[in-house]
Amino acid sequence: LIVVEGTIYPLLSRLKNDGLLSYEWRESTQGPPRKYYVLTPLG
């Protein structure tokens, strides 16, 4: 199911704005902190 970054980031933002996802910043051993997404109870 081939996707590109330009497709996935707006989708993640919309799902977050709809209350279906939340995220948490985490430090990475391979670069800058990463935003980890998780489903909310509503999600």
Full PDB file with SEQRES, HELIX, SHEET, SSBOND, CRYST1, ORIGX, SCALE, CONECT and MASTER records, all heavy atoms in Angstrom:
SEQRES   1 A   43  LEU ILE VAL VAL GLU GLY THR ILE TYR PRO LEU LEU SER          
SEQRES   2 A   43  ARG LEU LYS ASN ASP GLY LEU LEU SER TYR GLU TRP ARG          
SEQRES   3 A   43  GLU SER THR GLN GLY PRO PRO ARG LYS TYR TYR VAL LEU          
SEQRES   4 A   43  THR PRO LEU GLY                                              
HELIX    1 AA1 GLU A    5  ASN A   17  1                                  13    
SHEET    1 AA1 2 LEU A  21  SER A  28  0                                        
SHEET    2 AA1 2 GLY A  31  LEU A  39 -1                                        
CRYST1    1.000    1.000    1.000  90.00  90.00  90.00 P 1           1          
ORIGX1      1.000000  0.000000  0.000000        0.00000                         
ORIGX2      0.000000  1.000000  0.000000        0.00000                         
ORIGX3      0.000000  0.000000  1.000000        0.00000                         
SCALE1      1.000000  0.000000  0.000000        0.00000                         
SCALE2      0.000000  1.000000  0.000000        0.00000                         
SCALE3      0.000000  0.000000  1.000000        0.00000                         
ATOM      1  N   LEU A   1       0.888  -1.166   0.000  1.00  0.00           N  
ATOM      2  CA  LEU A   1       0.000   0.000   0.000  1.00  0.00           C  
ATOM      3  C   LEU A   1       0.924   1.214   0.000  1.00  0.00           C  
ATOM      4  O   LEU A   1       1.206   1.807   1.034  1.00  0.00           O  
ATOM      5  CB  LEU A   1      -0.913  -0.008   1.228  1.00  0.00           C  
ATOM      6  CG  LEU A   1      -1.995   1.064   1.257  1.00  0.00           C  
ATOM      7  CD1 LEU A   1      -2.977   0.864   0.107  1.00  0.00           C  
ATOM      8  CD2 LEU A   1      -2.743   1.023   2.575  1.00  0.00           C  
ATOM      9  N   ILE A   2       1.445   1.527  -1.157  1.00  0.00           N  
ATOM     10  CA  ILE A   2       2.507   2.509  -1.289  1.00  0.00           C  
ATOM     11  C   ILE A   2       1.983   3.908  -0.971  1.00  0.00           C  
ATOM     12  O   ILE A   2       0.970   4.350  -1.511  1.00  0.00           O  
ATOM     13  CB  ILE A   2       3.121   2.466  -2.697  1.00  0.00           C  
ATOM     14  CG1 ILE A   2       3.705   1.078  -2.939  1.00  0.00           C  
ATOM     15  CG2 ILE A   2       4.162   3.552  -2.869  1.00  0.00           C  
ATOM     16  CD1 ILE A   2       4.090   0.814  -4.369  1.00  0.00           C  
ATOM     17  N   VAL A   3       2.671   4.578  -0.066  1.00  0.00           N  
ATOM     18  CA  VAL A   3       2.331   5.947   0.297  1.00  0.00           C  
ATOM     19  C   VAL A   3       3.619   6.759   0.380  1.00  0.00           C  
ATOM     20  O   VAL A   3       4.702   6.218   0.507  1.00  0.00           O  
ATOM     21  CB  VAL A   3       1.587   6.031   1.645  1.00  0.00           C  
ATOM     22  CG1 VAL A   3       0.235   5.362   1.563  1.00  0.00           C  
ATOM     23  CG2 VAL A   3       2.399   5.425   2.760  1.00  0.00           C  
ATOM     24  N   VAL A   4       3.464   8.062   0.317  1.00  0.00           N  
ATOM     25  CA  VAL A   4       4.593   8.969   0.462  1.00  0.00           C  
ATOM     26  C   VAL A   4       4.343   9.864   1.657  1.00  0.00           C  
ATOM     27  O   VAL A   4       3.219   9.980   2.139  1.00  0.00           O  
ATOM     28  CB  VAL A   4       4.801   9.821  -0.814  1.00  0.00           C  
ATOM     29  CG1 VAL A   4       5.205   8.941  -1.990  1.00  0.00           C  
ATOM     30  CG2 VAL A   4       3.547  10.609  -1.153  1.00  0.00           C  
ATOM     31  N   GLU A   5       5.400  10.501   2.127  1.00  0.00           N  
ATOM     32  CA  GLU A   5       5.278  11.352   3.312  1.00  0.00           C  
ATOM     33  C   GLU A   5       4.213  12.424   3.124  1.00  0.00           C  
ATOM     34  O   GLU A   5       3.496  12.763   4.051  1.00  0.00           O  
ATOM     35  CB  GLU A   5       6.624  11.993   3.628  1.00  0.00           C  
ATOM     36  CG  GLU A   5       7.632  11.014   4.154  1.00  0.00           C  
ATOM     37  CD  GLU A   5       8.955  11.655   4.514  1.00  0.00           C  
ATOM     38  OE1 GLU A   5       9.017  12.891   4.652  1.00  0.00           O  
ATOM     39  OE2 GLU A   5       9.930  10.911   4.662  1.00  0.00           O  
ATOM     40  N   GLY A   6       4.106  12.953   1.920  1.00  0.00           N  
ATOM     41  CA  GLY A   6       3.123  13.997   1.658  1.00  0.00           C  
ATOM     42  C   GLY A   6       1.695  13.531   1.814  1.00  0.00           C  
ATOM     43  O   GLY A   6       0.780  14.348   1.918  1.00  0.00           O  
ATOM     44  N   THR A   7       1.489  12.238   1.831  1.00  0.00           N  
ATOM     45  CA  THR A   7       0.155  11.666   2.031  1.00  0.00           C  
ATOM     46  C   THR A   7      -0.100  11.356   3.492  1.00  0.00           C  
ATOM     47  O   THR A   7      -1.178  11.625   4.022  1.00  0.00           O  
ATOM     48  CB  THR A   7       0.011  10.359   1.215  1.00  0.00           C  
ATOM     49  OG1 THR A   7       0.262  10.634  -0.149  1.00  0.00           O  
ATOM     50  CG2 THR A   7      -1.370   9.759   1.380  1.00  0.00           C  
ATOM     51  N   ILE A   8       0.897  10.809   4.166  1.00  0.00           N  
ATOM     52  CA  ILE A   8       0.678  10.283   5.517  1.00  0.00           C  
ATOM     53  C   ILE A   8       0.617  11.380   6.576  1.00  0.00           C  
ATOM     54  O   ILE A   8      -0.186  11.306   7.501  1.00  0.00           O  
ATOM     55  CB  ILE A   8       1.722   9.199   5.858  1.00  0.00           C  
ATOM     56  CG1 ILE A   8       1.218   8.301   6.992  1.00  0.00           C  
ATOM     57  CG2 ILE A   8       3.054   9.785   6.216  1.00  0.00           C  
ATOM     58  CD1 ILE A   8       0.139   7.386   6.594  1.00  0.00           C  
ATOM     59  N   TYR A   9       1.442  12.409   6.463  1.00  0.00           N  
ATOM     60  CA  TYR A   9       1.465  13.437   7.504  1.00  0.00           C  
ATOM     61  C   TYR A   9       0.146  14.204   7.618  1.00  0.00           C  
ATOM     62  O   TYR A   9      -0.347  14.411   8.737  1.00  0.00           O  
ATOM     63  CB  TYR A   9       2.660  14.378   7.311  1.00  0.00           C  
ATOM     64  CG  TYR A   9       3.963  13.739   7.731  1.00  0.00           C  
ATOM     65  CD1 TYR A   9       4.899  13.344   6.779  1.00  0.00           C  
ATOM     66  CD2 TYR A   9       4.254  13.493   9.064  1.00  0.00           C  
ATOM     67  CE1 TYR A   9       6.094  12.737   7.154  1.00  0.00           C  
ATOM     68  CE2 TYR A   9       5.443  12.882   9.453  1.00  0.00           C  
ATOM     69  CZ  TYR A   9       6.355  12.512   8.485  1.00  0.00           C  
ATOM     70  OH  TYR A   9       7.522  11.902   8.862  1.00  0.00           O  
ATOM     71  N   PRO A  10      -0.468  14.621   6.507  1.00  0.00           N  
ATOM     72  CA  PRO A  10      -1.780  15.270   6.644  1.00  0.00           C  
ATOM     73  C   PRO A  10      -2.837  14.336   7.241  1.00  0.00           C  
ATOM     74  O   PRO A  10      -3.686  14.771   8.025  1.00  0.00           O  
ATOM     75  CB  PRO A  10      -2.142  15.671   5.211  1.00  0.00           C  
ATOM     76  CG  PRO A  10      -0.849  15.741   4.489  1.00  0.00           C  
ATOM     77  CD  PRO A  10       0.026  14.698   5.128  1.00  0.00           C  
ATOM     78  N   LEU A  11      -2.768  13.051   6.883  1.00  0.00           N  
ATOM     79  CA  LEU A  11      -3.713  12.080   7.434  1.00  0.00           C  
ATOM     80  C   LEU A  11      -3.526  11.947   8.942  1.00  0.00           C  
ATOM     81  O   LEU A  11      -4.500  11.973   9.707  1.00  0.00           O  
ATOM     82  CB  LEU A  11      -3.542  10.720   6.760  1.00  0.00           C  
ATOM     83  CG  LEU A  11      -4.355   9.572   7.360  1.00  0.00           C  
ATOM     84  CD1 LEU A  11      -5.845   9.843   7.253  1.00  0.00           C  
ATOM     85  CD2 LEU A  11      -3.996   8.262   6.677  1.00  0.00           C  
ATOM     86  N   LEU A  12      -2.279  11.838   9.401  1.00  0.00           N  
ATOM     87  CA  LEU A  12      -2.020  11.744  10.839  1.00  0.00           C  
ATOM     88  C   LEU A  12      -2.496  12.997  11.567  1.00  0.00           C  
ATOM     89  O   LEU A  12      -3.080  12.908  12.653  1.00  0.00           O  
ATOM     90  CB  LEU A  12      -0.526  11.506  11.089  1.00  0.00           C  
ATOM     91  CG  LEU A  12       0.012  10.139  10.656  1.00  0.00           C  
ATOM     92  CD1 LEU A  12       1.532  10.110  10.742  1.00  0.00           C  
ATOM     93  CD2 LEU A  12      -0.599   9.018  11.475  1.00  0.00           C  
ATOM     94  N   SER A  13      -2.273  14.154  10.976  1.00  0.00           N  
ATOM     95  CA  SER A  13      -2.730  15.412  11.598  1.00  0.00           C  
ATOM     96  C   SER A  13      -4.251  15.449  11.696  1.00  0.00           C  
ATOM     97  O   SER A  13      -4.802  15.845  12.722  1.00  0.00           O  
ATOM     98  CB  SER A  13      -2.251  16.619  10.784  1.00  0.00           C  
ATOM     99  OG  SER A  13      -0.869  16.752  10.893  1.00  0.00           O  
ATOM    100  N   ARG A  14      -4.929  15.029  10.636  1.00  0.00           N  
ATOM    101  CA  ARG A  14      -6.393  15.031  10.656  1.00  0.00           C  
ATOM    102  C   ARG A  14      -6.926  14.064  11.703  1.00  0.00           C  
ATOM    103  O   ARG A  14      -7.846  14.393  12.472  1.00  0.00           O  
ATOM    104  CB  ARG A  14      -6.944  14.674   9.281  1.00  0.00           C  
ATOM    105  CG  ARG A  14      -8.459  14.779   9.216  1.00  0.00           C  
ATOM    106  CD  ARG A  14      -8.997  14.532   7.834  1.00  0.00           C  
ATOM    107  NE  ARG A  14      -8.604  13.270   7.252  1.00  0.00           N  
ATOM    108  CZ  ARG A  14      -9.115  12.076   7.594  1.00  0.00           C  
ATOM    109  NH1 ARG A  14     -10.019  11.995   8.543  1.00  0.00           N  
ATOM    110  NH2 ARG A  14      -8.706  10.981   7.002  1.00  0.00           N  
ATOM    111  N   LEU A  15      -6.342  12.863  11.773  1.00  0.00           N  
ATOM    112  CA  LEU A  15      -6.783  11.887  12.770  1.00  0.00           C  
ATOM    113  C   LEU A  15      -6.535  12.394  14.189  1.00  0.00           C  
ATOM    114  O   LEU A  15      -7.351  12.171  15.093  1.00  0.00           O  
ATOM    115  CB  LEU A  15      -6.084  10.543  12.552  1.00  0.00           C  
ATOM    116  CG  LEU A  15      -6.462   9.791  11.275  1.00  0.00           C  
ATOM    117  CD1 LEU A  15      -5.562   8.572  11.086  1.00  0.00           C  
ATOM    118  CD2 LEU A  15      -7.921   9.390  11.290  1.00  0.00           C  
ATOM    119  N   LYS A  16      -5.422  13.090  14.385  1.00  0.00           N  
ATOM    120  CA  LYS A  16      -5.137  13.675  15.703  1.00  0.00           C  
ATOM    121  C   LYS A  16      -6.141  14.768  16.024  1.00  0.00           C  
ATOM    122  O   LYS A  16      -6.695  14.821  17.120  1.00  0.00           O  
ATOM    123  CB  LYS A  16      -3.723  14.220  15.766  1.00  0.00           C  
ATOM    124  CG  LYS A  16      -3.384  14.727  17.170  1.00  0.00           C  
ATOM    125  CD  LYS A  16      -2.226  15.678  17.134  1.00  0.00           C  
ATOM    126  CE  LYS A  16      -1.997  16.308  18.489  1.00  0.00           C  
ATOM    127  NZ  LYS A  16      -3.083  17.168  18.927  1.00  0.00           N  
ATOM    128  N   ASN A  17      -6.414  15.648  15.057  1.00  0.00           N  
ATOM    129  CA  ASN A  17      -7.373  16.731  15.270  1.00  0.00           C  
ATOM    130  C   ASN A  17      -8.782  16.210  15.517  1.00  0.00           C  
ATOM    131  O   ASN A  17      -9.571  16.845  16.213  1.00  0.00           O  
ATOM    132  CB  ASN A  17      -7.376  17.687  14.077  1.00  0.00           C  
ATOM    133  CG  ASN A  17      -6.094  18.489  13.985  1.00  0.00           C  
ATOM    134  OD1 ASN A  17      -5.350  18.626  14.959  1.00  0.00           O  
ATOM    135  ND2 ASN A  17      -5.804  19.007  12.808  1.00  0.00           N  
ATOM    136  N   ASP A  18      -9.092  15.041  14.957  1.00  0.00           N  
ATOM    137  CA  ASP A  18     -10.397  14.407  15.185  1.00  0.00           C  
ATOM    138  C   ASP A  18     -10.466  13.658  16.510  1.00  0.00           C  
ATOM    139  O   ASP A  18     -11.494  13.083  16.847  1.00  0.00           O  
ATOM    140  CB  ASP A  18     -10.725  13.441  14.045  1.00  0.00           C  
ATOM    141  CG  ASP A  18     -11.024  14.153  12.734  1.00  0.00           C  
ATOM    142  OD1 ASP A  18     -11.230  15.385  12.748  1.00  0.00           O  
ATOM    143  OD2 ASP A  18     -11.043  13.474  11.680  1.00  0.00           O  
ATOM    144  N   GLY A  19      -9.347  13.631  17.247  1.00  0.00           N  
ATOM    145  CA  GLY A  19      -9.319  12.971  18.548  1.00  0.00           C  
ATOM    146  C   GLY A  19      -9.113  11.464  18.472  1.00  0.00           C  
ATOM    147  O   GLY A  19      -9.286  10.772  19.477  1.00  0.00           O  
ATOM    148  N   LEU A  20      -8.735  10.958  17.293  1.00  0.00           N  
ATOM    149  CA  LEU A  20      -8.576   9.512  17.134  1.00  0.00           C  
ATOM    150  C   LEU A  20      -7.166   9.035  17.443  1.00  0.00           C  
ATOM    151  O   LEU A  20      -6.954   7.860  17.734  1.00  0.00           O  
ATOM    152  CB  LEU A  20      -8.956   9.104  15.705  1.00  0.00           C  
ATOM    153  CG  LEU A  20     -10.372   9.513  15.264  1.00  0.00           C  
ATOM    154  CD1 LEU A  20     -10.613   9.116  13.822  1.00  0.00           C  
ATOM    155  CD2 LEU A  20     -11.418   8.913  16.184  1.00  0.00           C  
ATOM    156  N   LEU A  21      -6.199   9.961  17.378  1.00  0.00           N  
ATOM    157  CA  LEU A  21      -4.805   9.658  17.682  1.00  0.00           C  
ATOM    158  C   LEU A  21      -4.269  10.655  18.685  1.00  0.00           C  
ATOM    159  O   LEU A  21      -4.741  11.784  18.773  1.00  0.00           O  
ATOM    160  CB  LEU A  21      -3.910   9.780  16.432  1.00  0.00           C  
ATOM    161  CG  LEU A  21      -4.191   8.966  15.208  1.00  0.00           C  
ATOM    162  CD1 LEU A  21      -3.151   9.280  14.135  1.00  0.00           C  
ATOM    163  CD2 LEU A  21      -4.195   7.496  15.517  1.00  0.00           C  
ATOM    164  N   SER A  22      -3.258  10.236  19.395  1.00  0.00           N  
ATOM    165  CA  SER A  22      -2.457  11.164  20.181  1.00  0.00           C  
ATOM    166  C   SER A  22      -1.004  10.803  19.888  1.00  0.00           C  
ATOM    167  O   SER A  22      -0.730   9.806  19.224  1.00  0.00           O  
ATOM    168  CB  SER A  22      -2.763  11.049  21.678  1.00  0.00           C  
ATOM    169  OG  SER A  22      -2.433   9.765  22.160  1.00  0.00           O  
ATOM    170  N   TYR A  23      -0.102  11.626  20.342  1.00  0.00           N  
ATOM    171  CA  TYR A  23       1.307  11.323  20.109  1.00  0.00           C  
ATOM    172  C   TYR A  23       2.139  11.748  21.297  1.00  0.00           C  
ATOM    173  O   TYR A  23       1.711  12.514  22.157  1.00  0.00           O  
ATOM    174  CB  TYR A  23       1.832  11.962  18.823  1.00  0.00           C  
ATOM    175  CG  TYR A  23       1.839  13.467  18.816  1.00  0.00           C  
ATOM    176  CD1 TYR A  23       2.875  14.182  19.411  1.00  0.00           C  
ATOM    177  CD2 TYR A  23       0.825  14.173  18.209  1.00  0.00           C  
ATOM    178  CE1 TYR A  23       2.886  15.558  19.403  1.00  0.00           C  
ATOM    179  CE2 TYR A  23       0.824  15.554  18.190  1.00  0.00           C  
ATOM    180  CZ  TYR A  23       1.859  16.244  18.791  1.00  0.00           C  
ATOM    181  OH  TYR A  23       1.872  17.606  18.788  1.00  0.00           O  
ATOM    182  N   GLU A  24       3.345  11.208  21.310  1.00  0.00           N  
ATOM    183  CA  GLU A  24       4.314  11.496  22.364  1.00  0.00           C  
ATOM    184  C   GLU A  24       5.682  11.627  21.710  1.00  0.00           C  
ATOM    185  O   GLU A  24       6.052  10.815  20.858  1.00  0.00           O  
ATOM    186  CB  GLU A  24       4.311  10.335  23.361  1.00  0.00           C  
ATOM    187  CG  GLU A  24       5.378  10.382  24.401  1.00  0.00           C  
ATOM    188  CD  GLU A  24       5.347   9.134  25.275  1.00  0.00           C  
ATOM    189  OE1 GLU A  24       4.294   8.841  25.863  1.00  0.00           O  
ATOM    190  OE2 GLU A  24       6.392   8.451  25.354  1.00  0.00           O  
ATOM    191  N   TRP A  25       6.418  12.668  22.097  1.00  0.00           N  
ATOM    192  CA  TRP A  25       7.782  12.839  21.590  1.00  0.00           C  
ATOM    193  C   TRP A  25       8.712  11.932  22.374  1.00  0.00           C  
ATOM    194  O   TRP A  25       8.622  11.861  23.598  1.00  0.00           O  
ATOM    195  CB  TRP A  25       8.243  14.280  21.754  1.00  0.00           C  
ATOM    196  CG  TRP A  25       7.618  15.219  20.778  1.00  0.00           C  
ATOM    197  CD1 TRP A  25       6.573  16.065  21.017  1.00  0.00           C  
ATOM    198  CD2 TRP A  25       7.995  15.423  19.421  1.00  0.00           C  
ATOM    199  NE1 TRP A  25       6.273  16.777  19.881  1.00  0.00           N  
ATOM    200  CE2 TRP A  25       7.139  16.406  18.891  1.00  0.00           C  
ATOM    201  CE3 TRP A  25       8.968  14.856  18.602  1.00  0.00           C  
ATOM    202  CZ2 TRP A  25       7.236  16.839  17.575  1.00  0.00           C  
ATOM    203  CZ3 TRP A  25       9.064  15.288  17.292  1.00  0.00           C  
ATOM    204  CH2 TRP A  25       8.202  16.261  16.792  1.00  0.00           C  
ATOM    205  N   ARG A  26       9.610  11.242  21.660  1.00  0.00           N  
ATOM    206  CA  ARG A  26      10.596  10.381  22.303  1.00  0.00           C  
ATOM    207  C   ARG A  26      11.967  10.641  21.693  1.00  0.00           C  
ATOM    208  O   ARG A  26      12.097  10.823  20.487  1.00  0.00           O  
ATOM    209  CB  ARG A  26      10.254   8.913  22.090  1.00  0.00           C  
ATOM    210  CG  ARG A  26       9.027   8.499  22.835  1.00  0.00           C  
ATOM    211  CD  ARG A  26       8.955   7.004  22.879  1.00  0.00           C  
ATOM    212  NE  ARG A  26       7.627   6.611  23.316  1.00  0.00           N  
ATOM    213  CZ  ARG A  26       7.082   5.461  23.025  1.00  0.00           C  
ATOM    214  NH1 ARG A  26       7.731   4.573  22.300  1.00  0.00           N  
ATOM    215  NH2 ARG A  26       5.881   5.172  23.455  1.00  0.00           N  
ATOM    216  N   GLU A  27      12.957  10.588  22.555  1.00  0.00           N  
ATOM    217  CA  GLU A  27      14.335  10.723  22.080  1.00  0.00           C  
ATOM    218  C   GLU A  27      14.673   9.522  21.206  1.00  0.00           C  
ATOM    219  O   GLU A  27      14.181   8.420  21.414  1.00  0.00           O  
ATOM    220  CB  GLU A  27      15.305  10.790  23.258  1.00  0.00           C  
ATOM    221  CG  GLU A  27      15.179  12.063  24.082  1.00  0.00           C  
ATOM    222  CD  GLU A  27      15.495  13.313  23.288  1.00  0.00           C  
ATOM    223  OE1 GLU A  27      16.412  13.276  22.426  1.00  0.00           O  
ATOM    224  OE2 GLU A  27      14.822  14.332  23.496  1.00  0.00           O  
ATOM    225  N   SER A  28      15.532   9.759  20.223  1.00  0.00           N  
ATOM    226  CA  SER A  28      15.963   8.707  19.318  1.00  0.00           C  
ATOM    227  C   SER A  28      17.471   8.545  19.418  1.00  0.00           C  
ATOM    228  O   SER A  28      18.191   9.522  19.587  1.00  0.00           O  
ATOM    229  CB  SER A  28      15.578   9.068  17.878  1.00  0.00           C  
ATOM    230  OG  SER A  28      16.166   8.172  16.972  1.00  0.00           O  
ATOM    231  N   THR A  29      17.920   7.327  19.289  1.00  0.00           N  
ATOM    232  CA  THR A  29      19.367   7.083  19.284  1.00  0.00           C  
ATOM    233  C   THR A  29      19.965   7.379  17.914  1.00  0.00           C  
ATOM    234  O   THR A  29      21.177   7.404  17.763  1.00  0.00           O  
ATOM    235  CB  THR A  29      19.663   5.609  19.644  1.00  0.00           C  
ATOM    236  OG1 THR A  29      19.011   4.771  18.687  1.00  0.00           O  
ATOM    237  CG2 THR A  29      19.187   5.287  21.042  1.00  0.00           C  
ATOM    238  N   GLN A  30      19.112   7.612  16.917  1.00  0.00           N  
ATOM    239  CA  GLN A  30      19.581   7.811  15.548  1.00  0.00           C  
ATOM    240  C   GLN A  30      19.163   9.161  14.975  1.00  0.00           C  
ATOM    241  O   GLN A  30      18.826   9.262  13.805  1.00  0.00           O  
ATOM    242  CB  GLN A  30      19.037   6.705  14.645  1.00  0.00           C  
ATOM    243  CG  GLN A  30      19.456   5.339  15.097  1.00  0.00           C  
ATOM    244  CD  GLN A  30      18.826   4.241  14.257  1.00  0.00           C  
ATOM    245  OE1 GLN A  30      17.909   4.486  13.512  1.00  0.00           O  
ATOM    246  NE2 GLN A  30      19.334   3.036  14.391  1.00  0.00           N  
ATOM    247  N   GLY A  31      19.147  10.198  15.770  1.00  0.00           N  
ATOM    248  CA  GLY A  31      18.787  11.509  15.245  1.00  0.00           C  
ATOM    249  C   GLY A  31      17.891  12.273  16.202  1.00  0.00           C  
ATOM    250  O   GLY A  31      17.916  12.055  17.412  1.00  0.00           O  
ATOM    251  N   PRO A  32      17.082  13.166  15.638  1.00  0.00           N  
ATOM    252  CA  PRO A  32      16.224  14.009  16.476  1.00  0.00           C  
ATOM    253  C   PRO A  32      15.101  13.207  17.135  1.00  0.00           C  
ATOM    254  O   PRO A  32      14.841  12.066  16.742  1.00  0.00           O  
ATOM    255  CB  PRO A  32      15.660  15.025  15.479  1.00  0.00           C  
ATOM    256  CG  PRO A  32      15.734  14.356  14.160  1.00  0.00           C  
ATOM    257  CD  PRO A  32      16.930  13.446  14.216  1.00  0.00           C  
ATOM    258  N   PRO A  33      14.423  13.809  18.116  1.00  0.00           N  
ATOM    259  CA  PRO A  33      13.291  13.124  18.748  1.00  0.00           C  
ATOM    260  C   PRO A  33      12.236  12.742  17.708  1.00  0.00           C  
ATOM    261  O   PRO A  33      12.096  13.408  16.683  1.00  0.00           O  
ATOM    262  CB  PRO A  33      12.739  14.151  19.731  1.00  0.00           C  
ATOM    263  CG  PRO A  33      13.844  15.108  19.948  1.00  0.00           C  
ATOM    264  CD  PRO A  33      14.643  15.132  18.685  1.00  0.00           C  
ATOM    265  N   ARG A  34      11.505  11.689  17.995  1.00  0.00           N  
ATOM    266  CA  ARG A  34      10.471  11.195  17.088  1.00  0.00           C  
ATOM    267  C   ARG A  34       9.106  11.304  17.748  1.00  0.00           C  
ATOM    268  O   ARG A  34       8.962  11.117  18.949  1.00  0.00           O  
ATOM    269  CB  ARG A  34      10.736   9.742  16.713  1.00  0.00           C  
ATOM    270  CG  ARG A  34      11.986   9.558  15.916  1.00  0.00           C  
ATOM    271  CD  ARG A  34      12.227   8.114  15.609  1.00  0.00           C  
ATOM    272  NE  ARG A  34      13.395   7.959  14.756  1.00  0.00           N  
ATOM    273  CZ  ARG A  34      13.952   6.810  14.493  1.00  0.00           C  
ATOM    274  NH1 ARG A  34      13.466   5.706  15.020  1.00  0.00           N  
ATOM    275  NH2 ARG A  34      15.006   6.741  13.703  1.00  0.00           N  
ATOM    276  N   LYS A  35       8.111  11.553  16.919  1.00  0.00           N  
ATOM    277  CA  LYS A  35       6.731  11.647  17.365  1.00  0.00           C  
ATOM    278  C   LYS A  35       6.088  10.273  17.191  1.00  0.00           C  
ATOM    279  O   LYS A  35       5.901   9.804  16.073  1.00  0.00           O  
ATOM    280  CB  LYS A  35       6.006  12.689  16.513  1.00  0.00           C  
ATOM    281  CG  LYS A  35       4.689  13.143  17.071  1.00  0.00           C  
ATOM    282  CD  LYS A  35       3.974  14.088  16.108  1.00  0.00           C  
ATOM    283  CE  LYS A  35       4.587  15.453  16.067  1.00  0.00           C  
ATOM    284  NZ  LYS A  35       3.750  16.401  15.281  1.00  0.00           N  
ATOM    285  N   TYR A  36       5.773   9.605  18.300  1.00  0.00           N  
ATOM    286  CA  TYR A  36       5.135   8.291  18.260  1.00  0.00           C  
ATOM    287  C   TYR A  36       3.629   8.452  18.413  1.00  0.00           C  
ATOM    288  O   TYR A  36       3.155   9.086  19.359  1.00  0.00           O  
ATOM    289  CB  TYR A  36       5.673   7.382  19.371  1.00  0.00           C  
ATOM    290  CG  TYR A  36       6.987   6.757  19.013  1.00  0.00           C  
ATOM    291  CD1 TYR A  36       8.178   7.459  19.114  1.00  0.00           C  
ATOM    292  CD2 TYR A  36       7.034   5.445  18.546  1.00  0.00           C  
ATOM    293  CE1 TYR A  36       9.389   6.884  18.770  1.00  0.00           C  
ATOM    294  CE2 TYR A  36       8.243   4.860  18.200  1.00  0.00           C  
ATOM    295  CZ  TYR A  36       9.407   5.580  18.316  1.00  0.00           C  
ATOM    296  OH  TYR A  36      10.599   5.010  17.973  1.00  0.00           O  
ATOM    297  N   TYR A  37       2.893   7.859  17.483  1.00  0.00           N  
ATOM    298  CA  TYR A  37       1.434   7.951  17.456  1.00  0.00           C  
ATOM    299  C   TYR A  37       0.812   6.716  18.090  1.00  0.00           C  
ATOM    300  O   TYR A  37       1.333   5.614  17.983  1.00  0.00           O  
ATOM    301  CB  TYR A  37       0.931   8.077  16.019  1.00  0.00           C  
ATOM    302  CG  TYR A  37       1.310   9.381  15.377  1.00  0.00           C  
ATOM    303  CD1 TYR A  37       2.516   9.520  14.699  1.00  0.00           C  
ATOM    304  CD2 TYR A  37       0.475  10.485  15.466  1.00  0.00           C  
ATOM    305  CE1 TYR A  37       2.872  10.723  14.108  1.00  0.00           C  
ATOM    306  CE2 TYR A  37       0.825  11.688  14.875  1.00  0.00           C  
ATOM    307  CZ  TYR A  37       2.021  11.798  14.199  1.00  0.00           C  
ATOM    308  OH  TYR A  37       2.368  12.980  13.622  1.00  0.00           O  
ATOM    309  N   VAL A  38      -0.336   6.928  18.720  1.00  0.00           N  
ATOM    310  CA  VAL A  38      -1.095   5.842  19.340  1.00  0.00           C  
ATOM    311  C   VAL A  38      -2.581   6.169  19.198  1.00  0.00           C  
ATOM    312  O   VAL A  38      -2.969   7.345  19.163  1.00  0.00           O  
ATOM    313  CB  VAL A  38      -0.688   5.665  20.828  1.00  0.00           C  
ATOM    314  CG1 VAL A  38      -1.032   6.884  21.647  1.00  0.00           C  
ATOM    315  CG2 VAL A  38      -1.306   4.424  21.415  1.00  0.00           C  
ATOM    316  N   LEU A  39      -3.409   5.138  19.096  1.00  0.00           N  
ATOM    317  CA  LEU A  39      -4.854   5.354  19.050  1.00  0.00           C  
ATOM    318  C   LEU A  39      -5.356   5.781  20.421  1.00  0.00           C  
ATOM    319  O   LEU A  39      -4.929   5.252  21.442  1.00  0.00           O  
ATOM    320  CB  LEU A  39      -5.583   4.074  18.649  1.00  0.00           C  
ATOM    321  CG  LEU A  39      -5.523   3.630  17.192  1.00  0.00           C  
ATOM    322  CD1 LEU A  39      -6.310   2.331  17.010  1.00  0.00           C  
ATOM    323  CD2 LEU A  39      -6.045   4.694  16.264  1.00  0.00           C  
ATOM    324  N   THR A  40      -6.277   6.709  20.426  1.00  0.00           N  
ATOM    325  CA  THR A  40      -6.954   7.103  21.655  1.00  0.00           C  
ATOM    326  C   THR A  40      -8.126   6.138  21.879  1.00  0.00           C  
ATOM    327  O   THR A  40      -8.458   5.351  20.983  1.00  0.00           O  
ATOM    328  CB  THR A  40      -7.507   8.538  21.528  1.00  0.00           C  
ATOM    329  OG1 THR A  40      -8.486   8.549  20.477  1.00  0.00           O  
ATOM    330  CG2 THR A  40      -6.401   9.546  21.251  1.00  0.00           C  
ATOM    331  N   PRO A  41      -8.777   6.197  23.034  1.00  0.00           N  
ATOM    332  CA  PRO A  41      -9.983   5.378  23.212  1.00  0.00           C  
ATOM    333  C   PRO A  41     -11.042   5.658  22.135  1.00  0.00           C  
ATOM    334  O   PRO A  41     -11.680   4.726  21.635  1.00  0.00           O  
ATOM    335  CB  PRO A  41     -10.472   5.771  24.612  1.00  0.00           C  
ATOM    336  CG  PRO A  41      -9.210   6.131  25.340  1.00  0.00           C  
ATOM    337  CD  PRO A  41      -8.369   6.835  24.303  1.00  0.00           C  
ATOM    338  N   LEU A  42     -11.196   6.922  21.753  1.00  0.00           N  
ATOM    339  CA  LEU A  42     -12.124   7.260  20.672  1.00  0.00           C  
ATOM    340  C   LEU A  42     -11.658   6.635  19.353  1.00  0.00           C  
ATOM    341  O   LEU A  42     -12.470   6.152  18.550  1.00  0.00           O  
ATOM    342  CB  LEU A  42     -12.248   8.779  20.533  1.00  0.00           C  
ATOM    343  CG  LEU A  42     -13.225   9.281  19.473  1.00  0.00           C  
ATOM    344  CD1 LEU A  42     -14.639   8.797  19.762  1.00  0.00           C  
ATOM    345  CD2 LEU A  42     -13.176  10.808  19.409  1.00  0.00           C  
ATOM    346  N   GLY A  43     -10.354   6.612  19.131  1.00  0.00           N  
ATOM    347  CA  GLY A  43      -9.804   5.972  17.939  1.00  0.00           C  
ATOM    348  C   GLY A  43     -10.070   4.481  17.925  1.00  0.00           C  
ATOM    349  O   GLY A  43     -10.368   3.898  16.875  1.00  0.00           O  
TER     350      GLY A  43                                                      
MASTER        0    0    0    1    2    0    0    6  349    1    0    4          
END                                                                             
